[in-house]
């Protein structure tokens, strides 16, 4: 069995209203009755297996097969380049759909358009789309990567709700509105890049995990490491009275980001608290990010630099794990490391098998006392 495609033709354009079939790969027509197919209707792939019919059928909307509330069986579909609009819930519950190439001329997406597409792994939104609708990718639990269009203006409420595999996202400079709950339950989102002027506090409100955050300004960018934090509710014995106990400095750090700007001085003031509440690996990353991307950095510079010098080995481990030779160059430029520290860093690099790191550190330490006490195989 193949697919039954229900369509309608109006004013020299055609719309595909519903597709019913057995889940085999589907290629949608570019023209119907000589008219270009410009739209996919609401619940387009949500009608279940159908009755065995195949081919094109022009019908009024009230005669369409009923929408099923079970899983859609679409596995692969090729969309014509003529499509400019995809309706509400068009691909909702198509859990077997892993990849989808959207037409370059697409301009509009409907609400919940990919809701519960549990197999979808990555997708690119075409440049003509300026609005990401509410719940667009909600419950897409395997979605790891989304490429947003450069002219995107609005991101609807809960657009990425329950996208538990999403790891990073870059918002274009044109975004001016973000809805509430955008990243609710995005527990693996660890890298976020966004423009100044967007409501940063709303974006951060649902992210309690460690977060690498970049904020772009017209004349540069600031990058921050926001520690993760956890909290619990404690019963204080009065009826329905609870107290929130927070662990880690991450919640306070997030309060430095308002709806439209960043309070750099407030961010730096919390470092003393982070030293008491967070691990040294966390505090080194906080300090390193501000030193390496110092936009807006003020009186905290010397404190950060002192912390980095005292824990150079911890930073070195991060640089080795990310193969960040450029970061090593900056560390050597900023920090006044002793011969013993350089020797220890060389041993770290050799243990990790990072030949270029070893060579660079040997070059730096060759002129210092104690810098050439050991031999290393390159």
Protein backbone atom coordinates (compact mmCIF):
# COMPACT_ATOMS: atom_id res chain seq x y z
CA UNK A 1 0.00 0.00 0.00
CA UNK A 2 1.15 3.56 -0.75
CA UNK A 3 -0.26 6.94 0.16
CA UNK A 4 -3.57 8.69 -0.36
CA UNK A 5 -3.04 12.44 -0.76
CA UNK A 6 -6.04 14.69 -0.14
CA UNK A 7 -5.79 18.14 -1.69
CA UNK A 8 -7.69 21.21 -2.69
CA UNK A 9 -7.10 23.69 -5.54
CA UNK A 10 -8.04 27.33 -5.14
CA UNK A 11 -7.05 30.58 -6.86
CA UNK A 12 -4.31 29.01 -8.96
CA UNK A 13 -2.58 27.35 -6.00
CA UNK A 14 -2.94 23.91 -4.45
CA UNK A 15 -2.80 22.76 -0.84
CA UNK A 16 -2.19 19.26 0.47
CA UNK A 17 -4.64 18.83 3.33
CA UNK A 18 -3.94 15.31 4.54
CA UNK A 19 -1.75 12.32 3.70
CA UNK A 20 -2.76 8.80 4.69
CA UNK A 21 -0.55 5.77 4.10
CA UNK A 22 1.62 2.94 5.31
CA UNK A 23 4.72 4.88 6.36
CA UNK A 24 6.83 4.20 3.27
CA UNK A 25 8.90 7.09 1.86
CA UNK A 26 6.65 9.75 0.38
CA UNK A 27 7.37 12.26 -2.39
CA UNK A 28 4.78 15.04 -2.51
CA UNK A 29 3.88 16.50 -5.92
CA UNK A 30 5.04 19.95 -6.90
CA UNK A 31 1.90 20.70 -8.91
CA UNK A 32 -1.69 19.49 -8.80
CA UNK A 33 -3.96 20.19 -11.76
CA UNK A 34 -1.26 22.48 -13.08
CA UNK A 35 -1.20 24.61 -9.90
CA UNK A 36 1.83 24.84 -7.60
CA UNK A 37 1.50 23.20 -4.19
CA UNK A 38 2.12 26.03 -1.71
CA UNK A 39 0.79 24.73 1.62
CA UNK A 40 0.51 21.71 3.90
CA UNK A 41 -2.68 21.73 5.96
CA UNK A 42 -3.16 21.31 9.68
CA UNK A 43 -2.64 17.72 10.93
CA UNK A 44 -1.40 16.85 7.45
CA UNK A 45 0.22 13.57 8.52
CA UNK A 46 -1.97 12.78 11.50
CA UNK A 47 -4.72 10.56 10.07
CA UNK A 48 -3.42 7.05 10.72
CA UNK A 49 -3.02 4.16 8.22
CA UNK A 50 -6.12 4.88 6.11
CA UNK A 51 -8.32 2.48 4.12
CA UNK A 52 -5.91 1.29 1.42
CA UNK A 53 -6.59 3.93 -1.22
CA UNK A 54 -3.70 5.46 -3.18
CA UNK A 55 -3.28 8.56 -5.32
CA UNK A 56 -4.53 12.15 -5.36
CA UNK A 57 -8.01 13.03 -4.15
CA UNK A 58 -9.51 16.52 -4.27
CA UNK A 59 -12.03 16.86 -1.44
CA UNK A 60 -13.53 19.61 0.73
CA UNK A 61 -12.02 19.89 4.21
CA UNK A 62 -15.10 18.44 5.94
CA UNK A 63 -14.62 15.15 4.03
CA UNK A 64 -11.03 14.57 5.12
CA UNK A 65 -10.07 11.39 7.02
CA UNK A 66 -10.34 12.07 10.76
CA UNK A 67 -7.25 13.00 12.76
CA UNK A 68 -5.82 10.14 14.79
CA UNK A 69 -4.42 10.74 18.27
CA UNK A 70 -1.98 7.84 17.98
CA UNK A 71 1.48 7.94 16.44
CA UNK A 72 1.89 9.02 12.82
CA UNK A 73 3.69 6.45 10.65
CA UNK A 74 5.61 8.83 8.39
CA UNK A 75 9.30 7.84 8.11
CA UNK A 76 10.59 9.98 5.24
CA UNK A 77 9.07 12.68 3.06
CA UNK A 78 10.29 14.89 0.23
CA UNK A 79 8.61 18.29 0.14
CA UNK A 80 8.31 20.33 -3.07
CA UNK A 81 10.23 23.59 -3.29
CA UNK A 82 6.97 25.45 -3.95
CA UNK A 83 5.70 25.14 -0.37
CA UNK A 84 5.61 28.41 1.57
CA UNK A 85 3.37 27.46 4.52
CA UNK A 86 3.08 24.46 6.83
CA UNK A 87 0.00 24.33 9.03
CA UNK A 88 -0.63 23.64 12.71
CA UNK A 89 0.51 20.20 13.93
CA UNK A 90 1.33 19.19 10.35
CA UNK A 91 4.02 16.70 11.46
CA UNK A 92 2.85 16.24 15.06
CA UNK A 93 3.34 12.75 16.50
CA UNK A 94 5.40 11.55 13.51
CA UNK A 95 7.80 9.77 15.86
CA UNK A 96 9.57 7.78 13.13
CA UNK A 97 10.59 10.90 11.20
CA UNK A 98 14.33 11.44 11.79
CA UNK A 99 15.29 14.04 9.19
CA UNK A 100 13.42 16.60 7.14
CA UNK A 101 14.61 19.08 4.51
CA UNK A 102 12.33 22.09 4.56
CA UNK A 103 11.84 24.05 1.29
CA UNK A 104 14.04 27.12 0.88
CA UNK A 105 10.99 29.28 0.14
CA UNK A 106 9.14 28.38 3.33
CA UNK A 107 7.76 31.42 5.16
CA UNK A 108 5.34 30.22 7.83
CA UNK A 109 5.12 27.40 10.36
CA UNK A 110 2.02 26.55 12.39
CA UNK A 111 1.80 25.96 16.13
CA UNK A 112 2.99 22.57 17.38
CA UNK A 113 4.18 21.86 13.84
CA UNK A 114 6.73 19.24 15.01
CA UNK A 115 5.21 18.42 18.40
CA UNK A 116 6.18 14.92 19.60
CA UNK A 117 8.41 14.15 16.62
CA UNK A 118 10.41 11.94 18.95
CA UNK A 119 12.83 10.69 16.29
CA UNK A 120 13.75 14.06 14.76
CA UNK A 121 17.47 14.66 15.33
CA UNK A 122 18.37 17.89 13.57
CA UNK A 123 16.70 20.46 11.33
CA UNK A 124 17.41 23.72 9.53
CA UNK A 125 14.72 26.41 9.43
CA UNK A 126 14.80 28.30 6.06
CA UNK A 127 15.75 31.96 5.90
CA UNK A 128 12.26 33.18 5.01
CA UNK A 129 10.76 32.14 8.35
CA UNK A 130 10.56 35.08 10.77
CA UNK A 131 8.40 33.54 13.52
CA UNK A 132 8.96 30.29 15.39
CA UNK A 133 5.49 29.32 16.67
CA UNK A 134 4.40 28.16 20.12
CA UNK A 135 5.41 24.56 20.95
CA UNK A 136 7.11 24.25 17.55
CA UNK A 137 9.49 21.47 18.68
CA UNK A 138 7.91 20.47 21.99
CA UNK A 139 8.65 16.88 23.04
CA UNK A 140 11.23 16.33 20.28
CA UNK A 141 13.34 14.29 22.68
CA UNK A 142 16.13 13.35 20.25
CA UNK A 143 16.58 16.79 18.72
CA UNK A 144 20.22 17.82 19.25
CA UNK A 145 20.72 20.62 16.72
CA UNK A 146 18.54 23.37 15.22
CA UNK A 147 19.74 26.00 12.74
CA UNK A 148 17.64 29.13 13.05
CA UNK A 149 17.17 31.64 10.19
CA UNK A 150 19.16 34.86 10.30
CA UNK A 151 16.01 37.03 10.08
CA UNK A 152 14.06 35.32 12.84
CA UNK A 153 12.15 37.86 14.95
CA UNK A 154 10.02 35.95 17.46
CA UNK A 155 10.29 32.62 19.29
CA UNK A 156 7.00 31.38 20.68
CA UNK A 157 6.12 30.03 24.10
CA UNK A 158 7.52 26.58 24.94
CA UNK A 159 9.01 26.27 21.45
CA UNK A 160 11.62 23.77 22.73
CA UNK A 161 9.70 22.32 25.67
CA UNK A 162 11.03 18.87 26.63
CA UNK A 163 13.83 18.92 24.03
CA UNK A 164 15.98 16.97 26.46
CA UNK A 165 18.75 16.21 23.93
CA UNK A 166 19.23 19.78 22.67
CA UNK A 167 22.84 20.75 23.38
CA UNK A 168 23.35 24.22 21.94
CA UNK A 169 21.50 27.02 20.20
CA UNK A 170 22.41 30.34 18.57
CA UNK A 171 19.78 33.09 18.36
CA UNK A 172 20.21 35.57 15.49
CA UNK A 173 20.56 39.29 16.18
CA UNK A 174 17.09 39.96 14.75
CA UNK A 175 15.22 38.17 17.58
CA UNK A 176 13.26 40.68 19.66
CA UNK A 177 10.73 38.47 21.46
CA UNK A 178 11.04 35.14 23.25
CA UNK A 179 8.11 33.40 24.89
CA UNK A 180 7.95 31.89 28.34
CA UNK A 181 9.08 28.33 28.98
CA UNK A 182 11.16 28.35 25.80
CA UNK A 183 13.76 25.94 27.25
CA UNK A 184 11.69 24.19 29.90
CA UNK A 185 13.18 20.72 30.61
CA UNK A 186 16.07 21.27 28.18
CA UNK A 187 18.36 19.67 30.72
CA UNK A 188 21.29 19.14 28.33
CA UNK A 189 21.37 22.63 26.81
CA UNK A 190 24.90 23.72 27.74
CA UNK A 191 25.79 26.36 25.13
CA UNK A 192 23.67 29.40 24.33
CA UNK A 193 24.54 32.37 22.10
CA UNK A 194 22.16 35.33 21.98
CA UNK A 195 22.02 39.03 21.14
CA UNK A 196 21.80 41.80 23.71
CA UNK A 197 18.30 43.23 23.79
CA UNK A 198 16.48 39.91 23.90
CA UNK A 199 14.87 38.97 27.24
CA UNK A 200 17.80 37.10 28.75
CA UNK A 201 16.13 36.54 32.12
CA UNK A 202 13.26 34.65 30.48
CA UNK A 203 15.66 32.46 28.52
CA UNK A 204 17.66 31.58 31.64
CA UNK A 205 14.69 30.98 33.91
CA UNK A 206 14.38 27.30 32.96
CA UNK A 207 18.09 26.44 32.71
CA UNK A 208 19.54 25.19 36.00
CA UNK A 209 22.43 23.19 34.54
CA UNK A 210 25.97 24.43 33.80
CA UNK A 211 25.70 26.90 30.94
CA UNK A 212 28.23 28.45 28.57
CA UNK A 213 26.56 31.76 27.67
CA UNK A 214 27.63 34.29 25.04
CA UNK A 215 25.94 37.68 24.81
CA UNK A 216 26.62 39.60 21.60
CA UNK A 217 26.87 43.40 21.63
CA UNK A 218 27.20 45.68 18.58
CA UNK A 219 30.88 46.23 19.39
CA UNK A 220 31.87 42.86 20.82
CA UNK A 221 30.74 39.91 22.87
CA UNK A 222 30.84 38.83 26.49
CA UNK A 223 31.05 35.19 27.47
CA UNK A 224 30.12 33.72 30.84
CA UNK A 225 30.14 30.39 32.59
CA UNK A 226 26.99 30.08 34.70
CA UNK A 227 27.26 27.29 37.28
CA UNK A 228 24.44 24.83 37.60
CA UNK A 229 22.42 24.81 40.78
CA UNK A 230 19.80 22.70 42.49
CA UNK A 231 17.13 23.38 45.04
CA UNK A 232 14.69 21.60 47.28
CA UNK A 233 11.67 22.53 49.38
CA UNK A 234 11.86 22.17 53.14
CA UNK A 235 8.74 21.80 55.27
CA UNK A 236 8.83 24.38 58.08
CA UNK A 237 5.97 22.65 59.93
CA UNK A 238 3.29 25.26 59.33
CA UNK A 239 0.42 24.06 57.11
CA UNK A 240 1.37 24.47 53.46
CA UNK A 241 4.44 26.52 54.33
CA UNK A 242 7.70 25.71 52.61
CA UNK A 243 11.18 27.15 52.40
CA UNK A 244 13.37 26.87 49.31
CA UNK A 245 16.96 25.73 49.89
CA UNK A 246 19.33 26.41 46.98
CA UNK A 247 22.66 24.67 46.44
CA UNK A 248 25.37 26.42 44.42
CA UNK A 249 25.86 30.01 43.30
CA UNK A 250 24.25 29.53 39.90
CA UNK A 251 20.88 31.01 40.80
CA UNK A 252 22.43 34.28 41.97
CA UNK A 253 24.62 34.48 38.87
CA UNK A 254 21.50 34.24 36.70
CA UNK A 255 20.05 37.27 38.49
CA UNK A 256 22.78 39.38 36.88
CA UNK A 257 20.93 39.11 33.56
CA UNK A 258 17.87 41.33 33.17
CA UNK A 259 15.35 41.56 30.39
CA UNK A 260 17.61 43.82 28.34
CA UNK A 261 21.15 43.94 29.75
CA UNK A 262 23.87 42.44 31.94
CA UNK A 263 25.02 43.76 35.32
CA UNK A 264 28.75 43.06 35.00
CA UNK A 265 29.64 44.45 38.44
CA UNK A 266 27.05 42.28 40.14
CA UNK A 267 28.34 39.24 38.27
CA UNK A 268 31.86 39.86 39.52
CA UNK A 269 30.66 40.45 43.09
CA UNK A 270 29.39 36.87 43.37
CA UNK A 271 32.79 35.26 42.83
CA UNK A 272 33.57 35.16 46.55
CA UNK A 273 30.33 33.25 47.10
CA UNK A 274 31.17 30.85 44.27
CA UNK A 275 34.53 30.11 45.91
CA UNK A 276 32.65 28.93 49.00
CA UNK A 277 29.83 27.01 47.34
CA UNK A 278 31.17 25.58 44.08
CA UNK A 279 34.00 23.27 43.03
CA UNK A 280 37.36 24.61 41.97
CA UNK A 281 36.69 23.29 38.45
CA UNK A 282 33.62 25.54 38.34
CA UNK A 283 35.30 28.64 39.76
CA UNK A 284 38.24 28.26 37.36
CA UNK A 285 35.82 28.23 34.43
CA UNK A 286 34.02 31.32 35.77
CA UNK A 287 37.31 33.19 36.04
CA UNK A 288 38.72 31.93 32.75
CA UNK A 289 35.69 32.86 30.66
CA UNK A 290 35.76 36.45 31.91
CA UNK A 291 39.51 36.76 31.36
CA UNK A 292 39.38 35.26 27.89
CA UNK A 293 36.33 37.22 26.74
CA UNK A 294 36.71 40.38 28.85
CA UNK A 295 33.95 42.57 27.42
CA UNK A 296 32.64 44.62 30.37
CA UNK A 297 35.26 43.20 32.75
CA UNK A 298 36.10 45.57 35.59
CA UNK A 299 37.61 45.24 39.06
CA UNK A 300 37.35 41.45 39.05
CA UNK A 301 40.21 40.99 36.62
CA UNK A 302 42.98 40.74 39.21
CA UNK A 303 40.94 38.39 41.39
CA UNK A 304 40.22 36.12 38.45
CA UNK A 305 43.85 36.17 37.34
CA UNK A 306 45.10 35.27 40.81
CA UNK A 307 42.67 32.36 40.94
CA UNK A 308 43.79 31.09 37.54
CA UNK A 309 47.46 31.27 38.52
CA UNK A 310 46.78 29.34 41.72
CA UNK A 311 44.90 26.60 39.86
CA UNK A 312 46.69 26.48 36.51
CA UNK A 313 46.58 22.69 36.51
CA UNK A 314 42.78 22.67 36.68
CA UNK A 315 42.57 25.07 33.75
CA UNK A 316 45.16 23.03 31.87
CA UNK A 317 42.94 19.97 32.14
CA UNK A 318 40.08 21.89 30.53
CA UNK A 319 42.37 23.11 27.72
CA UNK A 320 43.64 19.59 27.09
CA UNK A 321 40.14 18.11 27.00
CA UNK A 322 39.08 20.65 24.35
CA UNK A 323 42.42 20.62 22.50
CA UNK A 324 42.52 24.39 22.99
CA UNK A 325 46.04 25.41 22.05
CA UNK A 326 44.92 29.01 21.58
CA UNK A 327 43.75 29.00 25.19
CA UNK A 328 47.17 27.78 26.31
CA UNK A 329 48.78 30.70 24.49
CA UNK A 330 46.54 33.12 26.36
CA UNK A 331 47.24 31.43 29.68
CA UNK A 332 50.98 31.81 29.13
CA UNK A 333 50.47 35.45 28.18
CA UNK A 334 48.28 36.37 31.16
CA UNK A 335 49.66 34.31 34.03
CA UNK A 336 53.09 34.56 35.59
CA UNK A 337 53.76 30.85 35.98
CA UNK A 338 56.79 29.57 37.84
CA UNK A 339 59.25 27.04 36.46
CA UNK A 340 57.72 24.36 38.69
CA UNK A 341 54.23 25.16 37.43
CA UNK A 342 55.37 24.98 33.81
CA UNK A 343 57.03 21.65 34.47
CA UNK A 344 53.83 20.32 36.04
CA UNK A 345 51.79 21.51 33.07
CA UNK A 346 54.22 19.79 30.70
CA UNK A 347 53.73 16.54 32.57
CA UNK A 348 49.97 16.95 32.27
CA UNK A 349 50.22 17.52 28.54
CA UNK A 350 52.54 14.55 28.05
CA UNK A 351 50.18 12.33 30.04
CA UNK A 352 47.33 13.40 27.76
CA UNK A 353 49.40 12.73 24.64
CA UNK A 354 49.15 16.35 23.47
CA UNK A 355 52.41 16.80 21.57
CA UNK A 356 51.79 20.41 20.52
CA UNK A 357 51.07 21.42 24.11
CA UNK A 358 54.26 19.74 25.33
CA UNK A 359 56.34 21.47 22.66
CA UNK A 360 54.88 24.89 23.44
CA UNK A 361 55.46 24.49 27.17
CA UNK A 362 59.00 23.27 26.65
CA UNK A 363 59.66 26.35 24.52
CA UNK A 364 58.30 28.61 27.27
CA UNK A 365 60.15 26.90 30.07
CA UNK A 366 63.51 26.50 28.34
CA UNK A 367 64.69 29.91 29.49
CA UNK A 368 63.58 29.52 33.12
CA UNK A 369 65.43 27.94 35.95
CA UNK A 370 64.28 24.38 36.32
CA UNK A 371 62.46 24.60 32.99
CA UNK A 372 64.62 21.98 31.26
CA UNK A 373 65.19 19.46 34.05
CA UNK A 374 63.26 16.71 32.30
CA UNK A 375 63.26 15.20 28.85
CA UNK A 376 60.08 14.44 26.94
CA UNK A 377 59.56 12.33 23.86
CA UNK A 378 57.81 14.23 21.08
